[in-house]
Protein backbone atom coordinates (compact mmCIF):
# COMPACT_ATOMS: atom_id res chain seq x y z
CA UNK A 1 0.30 -0.02 0.37
CA UNK A 2 1.50 3.60 -1.33
CA UNK A 3 1.49 6.09 1.67
CA UNK A 4 -0.33 9.18 0.72
CA UNK A 5 2.07 12.38 1.98
CA UNK A 6 0.15 15.13 3.16
CA UNK A 7 1.03 18.88 2.33
CA UNK A 8 -1.37 20.73 4.26
CA UNK A 9 -2.18 20.67 7.94
CA UNK A 10 -6.28 21.65 7.00
CA UNK A 11 -6.57 18.86 4.91
CA UNK A 12 -10.18 17.06 5.77
CA UNK A 13 -8.67 13.73 5.98
CA UNK A 14 -6.27 14.83 9.54
CA UNK A 15 -10.01 16.17 10.88
CA UNK A 16 -10.29 13.06 13.06
CA UNK A 17 -7.05 13.77 14.78
CA UNK A 18 -6.87 17.46 15.51
CA UNK A 19 -9.06 17.15 18.41
CA UNK A 20 -5.73 15.42 20.36
CA UNK A 21 -4.29 18.89 20.93
CA UNK A 22 -7.56 19.35 23.58
CA UNK A 23 -7.17 16.98 25.95
CA UNK A 24 -10.85 18.19 28.10
CA UNK A 25 -12.16 17.30 24.83
CA UNK A 26 -11.39 14.24 23.20
CA UNK A 27 -13.14 12.10 24.82
CA UNK A 28 -16.32 13.70 24.16
CA UNK A 29 -15.27 14.38 20.63
CA UNK A 30 -14.50 10.65 20.19
CA UNK A 31 -17.64 9.62 21.55
CA UNK A 32 -19.83 12.29 19.48
CA UNK A 33 -17.82 11.55 15.97
CA UNK A 34 -18.22 7.66 16.75
CA UNK A 35 -14.32 7.06 16.52
CA UNK A 36 -11.61 6.72 18.42
CA UNK A 37 -7.48 6.97 18.23
CA UNK A 38 -5.10 4.30 18.51
CA UNK A 39 -1.10 5.05 18.80
CA UNK A 40 1.53 2.53 18.15
CA UNK A 41 2.44 -0.65 16.08
CA UNK A 42 1.00 -2.90 18.41
CA UNK A 43 -2.53 -0.80 18.74
CA UNK A 44 -2.43 -0.40 14.98
CA UNK A 45 -1.93 -3.56 13.90
CA UNK A 46 -4.60 -4.88 16.34
CA UNK A 47 -7.15 -2.00 14.80
CA UNK A 48 -6.17 -3.80 11.21
CA UNK A 49 -6.68 -6.95 11.89
CA UNK A 50 -9.86 -6.39 14.20
CA UNK A 51 -13.41 -6.26 13.14
CA UNK A 52 -13.27 -2.71 13.59
CA UNK A 53 -13.72 -0.40 10.41
CA UNK A 54 -10.06 1.64 9.46
CA UNK A 55 -10.47 5.30 9.00
CA UNK A 56 -6.63 6.27 8.69
CA UNK A 57 -3.39 5.47 9.63
CA UNK A 58 -1.20 8.07 10.03
CA UNK A 59 2.34 7.86 9.62
CA UNK A 60 5.56 10.48 10.09
CA UNK A 61 7.71 10.25 7.40
CA UNK A 62 10.52 9.56 9.23
CA UNK A 63 8.75 5.89 10.16
CA UNK A 64 7.61 5.42 6.82
CA UNK A 65 10.14 3.00 5.36
CA UNK A 66 9.24 1.07 8.64
CA UNK A 67 6.16 0.78 8.46
CA UNK A 68 4.82 1.45 4.96
CA UNK A 69 4.54 -2.83 5.03
CA UNK A 70 3.23 -3.56 7.83
CA UNK A 71 -0.35 -2.66 6.76
CA UNK A 72 -2.50 -4.46 4.40
CA UNK A 73 -4.69 -3.11 1.57
CA UNK A 74 -7.68 -1.09 1.72
CA UNK A 75 -6.09 1.15 4.66
CA UNK A 76 -5.99 4.45 3.75
CA UNK A 77 -2.21 5.63 4.93
CA UNK A 78 -1.27 9.21 5.38
CA UNK A 79 2.05 11.05 6.48
CA UNK A 80 3.19 14.17 7.57
CA UNK A 81 6.76 14.71 9.20
CA UNK A 82 6.77 14.68 12.60
CA UNK A 83 7.18 18.38 13.48
CA UNK A 84 3.83 18.43 11.50
CA UNK A 85 2.10 15.74 13.16
CA UNK A 86 3.36 16.99 16.35
CA UNK A 87 1.73 20.30 15.51
CA UNK A 88 -1.94 18.72 14.10
CA UNK A 89 -1.64 16.65 17.49
CA UNK A 90 -0.46 18.49 20.26
CA UNK A 91 1.86 15.74 21.16
CA UNK A 92 5.16 14.32 19.79
CA UNK A 93 4.15 10.82 19.04
CA UNK A 94 8.21 8.78 19.42
CA UNK A 95 5.75 5.69 17.86
CA UNK A 96 5.62 7.29 14.77
CA UNK A 97 1.86 6.08 14.29
CA UNK A 98 -1.89 7.03 15.04
CA UNK A 99 -4.81 5.75 13.85
CA UNK A 100 -8.51 6.42 13.40
CA UNK A 101 -10.68 4.01 13.75
CA UNK A 102 -15.21 3.53 13.67
CA UNK A 103 -17.15 2.96 16.83
CA UNK A 104 -19.94 0.07 16.38
CA UNK A 105 -22.34 -1.10 18.60
CA UNK A 106 -21.75 -3.12 21.61
CA UNK A 107 -23.15 -6.41 22.01
CA UNK A 108 -25.83 -6.97 24.42
CA UNK A 109 -24.40 -8.62 27.66
CA UNK A 110 -26.58 -11.82 26.99
CA UNK A 111 -25.21 -12.16 23.38
CA UNK A 112 -21.43 -11.29 24.98
CA UNK A 113 -21.51 -14.46 27.31
CA UNK A 114 -23.39 -16.52 24.99
CA UNK A 115 -20.25 -18.42 23.90
CA UNK A 116 -17.50 -18.07 26.96
CA UNK A 117 -17.42 -19.75 30.18
CA UNK A 118 -15.31 -17.12 31.77
CA UNK A 119 -15.91 -13.48 31.96
CA UNK A 120 -14.43 -10.55 33.77
CA UNK A 121 -16.57 -7.65 35.45
CA UNK A 122 -15.46 -4.56 35.91
CA UNK A 123 -17.14 -1.68 38.58
CA UNK A 124 -16.11 1.94 38.49
CA UNK A 125 -12.33 1.57 37.06
CA UNK A 126 -12.47 5.11 36.14
CA UNK A 127 -8.35 4.76 35.07
CA UNK A 128 -7.67 3.97 31.68
CA UNK A 129 -3.98 2.47 32.13
CA UNK A 130 -6.28 -0.37 34.41
CA UNK A 131 -8.74 -0.93 32.28
CA UNK A 132 -6.08 -0.92 29.24
CA UNK A 133 -4.18 -3.35 32.35
CA UNK A 134 -7.11 -5.53 32.69
CA UNK A 135 -8.34 -6.29 29.30
CA UNK A 136 -4.17 -7.52 28.61
CA UNK A 137 -4.77 -9.96 31.38
CA UNK A 138 -8.47 -11.04 30.34
CA UNK A 139 -6.37 -11.71 26.50
CA UNK A 140 -3.64 -13.95 28.77
CA UNK A 141 -6.06 -16.04 30.40
CA UNK A 142 -8.71 -16.85 27.69
CA UNK A 143 -11.32 -14.14 28.93
CA UNK A 144 -14.34 -14.30 25.96
CA UNK A 145 -15.79 -11.20 27.04
CA UNK A 146 -15.44 -8.19 29.61
CA UNK A 147 -18.86 -6.43 31.16
CA UNK A 148 -18.50 -2.87 32.28
CA UNK A 149 -20.85 -1.27 34.95
CA UNK A 150 -22.05 2.03 33.62
CA UNK A 151 -19.18 4.59 35.25
CA UNK A 152 -15.94 2.34 34.15
CA UNK A 153 -14.01 4.23 31.57
CA UNK A 154 -13.69 3.90 28.12
CA UNK A 155 -11.73 1.06 27.10
CA UNK A 156 -11.06 2.46 23.42
CA UNK A 157 -10.00 5.80 24.84
CA UNK A 158 -6.07 5.64 23.61
CA UNK A 159 -3.90 5.43 26.62
CA UNK A 160 -6.39 2.35 27.49
CA UNK A 161 -5.50 0.56 24.07
CA UNK A 162 -1.90 1.51 24.13
CA UNK A 163 -1.36 0.05 27.62
CA UNK A 164 -3.44 -2.87 26.69
CA UNK A 165 -1.32 -3.70 23.65
CA UNK A 166 -3.95 -3.81 21.39
CA UNK A 167 -6.15 -6.17 23.18
CA UNK A 168 -8.76 -3.62 24.13
CA UNK A 169 -9.69 -4.33 20.21
CA UNK A 170 -9.83 -8.15 20.55
CA UNK A 171 -11.36 -9.27 23.62
CA UNK A 172 -14.79 -8.04 22.90
CA UNK A 173 -16.97 -6.19 25.71
CA UNK A 174 -20.34 -4.92 26.42
CA UNK A 175 -21.68 -2.18 29.29
CA UNK A 176 -24.11 -3.25 31.51
CA UNK A 177 -27.73 -1.33 31.68
CA UNK A 178 -28.63 -2.52 34.90
CA UNK A 179 -26.34 -2.30 37.72
CA UNK A 180 -25.60 -4.56 39.97
CA UNK A 181 -28.93 -6.20 38.42
CA UNK A 182 -26.45 -7.25 35.56
CA UNK A 183 -24.80 -9.65 37.72
CA UNK A 184 -28.26 -11.45 38.71
CA UNK A 185 -28.42 -11.96 34.39
CA UNK A 186 -24.86 -13.73 34.76
CA UNK A 187 -26.14 -16.13 37.53
CA UNK A 188 -29.59 -16.90 35.23
CA UNK A 189 -27.61 -17.64 32.54
CA UNK A 190 -25.07 -20.43 34.46
CA UNK A 191 -22.03 -17.86 36.20
CA UNK A 192 -20.84 -18.43 39.49
CA UNK A 193 -19.66 -14.55 39.88
CA UNK A 194 -16.68 -14.25 42.48
CA UNK A 195 -16.21 -10.69 44.38
CA UNK A 196 -12.53 -9.98 44.64
CA UNK A 197 -12.51 -7.79 48.10
CA UNK A 198 -9.26 -7.09 50.02
CA UNK A 199 -7.89 -10.20 52.52
CA UNK A 200 -9.07 -9.02 55.71
CA UNK A 201 -6.85 -11.71 57.15
CA UNK A 202 -4.12 -9.59 56.92
CA UNK A 203 -5.05 -6.80 59.29
CA UNK A 204 -5.92 -7.08 62.50
CA UNK A 205 -8.86 -8.79 63.56
CA UNK A 206 -12.11 -6.22 63.88
CA UNK A 207 -15.27 -7.93 65.38
CA UNK A 208 -17.52 -5.19 63.44
CA UNK A 209 -15.83 -5.75 59.85
CA UNK A 210 -17.23 -8.13 57.67
CA UNK A 211 -17.12 -11.72 57.20
CA UNK A 212 -13.83 -12.50 56.23
CA UNK A 213 -13.86 -13.65 52.31
CA UNK A 214 -13.13 -17.51 51.28
CA UNK A 215 -10.04 -17.93 49.96
CA UNK A 216 -9.38 -17.60 45.88
CA UNK A 217 -8.23 -21.32 46.04
CA UNK A 218 -10.96 -22.98 48.26
CA UNK A 219 -13.67 -20.82 46.18
CA UNK A 220 -12.04 -21.97 43.04
CA UNK A 221 -12.45 -25.42 44.10
CA UNK A 222 -16.14 -25.30 44.77
CA UNK A 223 -17.63 -23.57 41.55
CA UNK A 224 -19.11 -24.63 38.45
CA UNK A 225 -17.46 -23.82 34.95
CA UNK A 226 -18.75 -21.10 34.36
CA UNK A 227 -17.68 -17.75 36.20
CA UNK A 228 -17.42 -14.19 36.02
CA UNK A 229 -15.02 -12.51 37.74
CA UNK A 230 -15.87 -9.11 39.33
CA UNK A 231 -13.39 -6.52 40.19
CA UNK A 232 -13.77 -2.65 41.24
CA UNK A 233 -11.59 0.48 41.16
CA UNK A 234 -8.82 1.01 43.53
CA UNK A 235 -9.57 2.73 46.99
CA UNK A 236 -12.96 2.11 47.32
CA UNK A 237 -13.10 -1.14 46.22
CA UNK A 238 -16.48 -3.30 45.27
CA UNK A 239 -19.71 -1.49 45.96
CA UNK A 240 -21.62 -2.60 48.45
CA UNK A 241 -24.77 -3.38 45.99
CA UNK A 242 -22.07 -5.20 44.14
CA UNK A 243 -20.59 -7.21 46.82
CA UNK A 244 -24.30 -7.95 48.36
CA UNK A 245 -25.29 -9.10 44.70
CA UNK A 246 -22.28 -11.50 44.05
CA UNK A 247 -22.58 -15.81 44.78
CA UNK A 248 -19.27 -15.40 46.38
CA UNK A 249 -16.63 -12.79 47.73
CA UNK A 250 -13.30 -14.21 47.85
CA UNK A 251 -9.51 -12.62 48.56
CA UNK A 252 -6.54 -13.18 47.76
CA UNK A 253 -4.20 -14.61 50.76
CA UNK A 254 -1.30 -12.21 51.61
CA UNK A 255 1.17 -11.65 53.88
CA UNK A 256 0.22 -9.99 56.81
CA UNK A 257 -0.31 -6.13 56.85
CA UNK A 258 -1.25 -6.00 53.27
CA UNK A 259 -4.75 -6.54 52.28
CA UNK A 260 -4.69 -5.74 48.82
CA UNK A 261 -2.38 -5.00 45.41
CA UNK A 262 -3.33 -2.98 42.12
CA UNK A 263 -6.84 -3.91 40.67
CA UNK A 264 -5.10 -5.25 37.41
CA UNK A 265 -2.58 -7.47 39.54
CA UNK A 266 -5.43 -8.91 41.59
CA UNK A 267 -7.27 -9.96 38.50
CA UNK A 268 -4.41 -11.30 36.66
CA UNK A 269 -3.77 -13.39 39.76
CA UNK A 270 -7.24 -14.93 39.92
CA UNK A 271 -7.71 -15.28 35.95
CA UNK A 272 -4.84 -17.51 36.20
CA UNK A 273 -5.63 -19.10 39.05
CA UNK A 274 -9.13 -20.15 37.24
CA UNK A 275 -7.32 -20.55 33.97
CA UNK A 276 -4.80 -23.07 35.24
CA UNK A 277 -7.92 -25.09 36.00
CA UNK A 278 -9.26 -25.26 32.30
């Protein structure tokens, strides 16, 4: 595929990228236009290989030789000098490549989980890097779909896509309309919902604290083949409503004085343990 070098910064084919100069408007603009932007070769290759429509790929002239053969026919390839790309986007992209994709209609939760026995459920994960890391973990450990609560950050935001190494474009996801009622829907579909909670055993015993959660290994030994792992935001953790709606509260046993790890790390530990049973 031949790269088309652009000579004007106001070229209409660059319209998908101008909003990157305004961080406060990026997410709103992309949702309103039905687009998303990815950065870096791995993410762009994932986009090209995915079911999402590719509007264009934008590369710097300095990276043309390295990138020209990386993308297949039918992909619009545009080129600018690195300094011009920085002027268009407001950012100097060391990776030398951006792409714009078209958002697609999300599946329903019922359709998403119909063909998989392993689901990751996210509540109030508002850090895009955590979202990206969770999708990368989901791909690594055979998760067939990710269910997002109404407040979880957009997986198609550029930072999430980059951190996931493009896996947000490979692992399907759906956004729940009812929360935490969707956990009842998962139960009706045959899933056991495991809610990851801090390891209360790592803290001094407090008679007023909630009952201690089941250790992860013991919980996995008791569940059926269809499992939905539920994780919550850093700090606040899962809401009381989500904990009450889950089938089982589980904990990862930890050393004394430490009750939790980063949400993506905790999910990776739990998913790897369940993946090992498959």
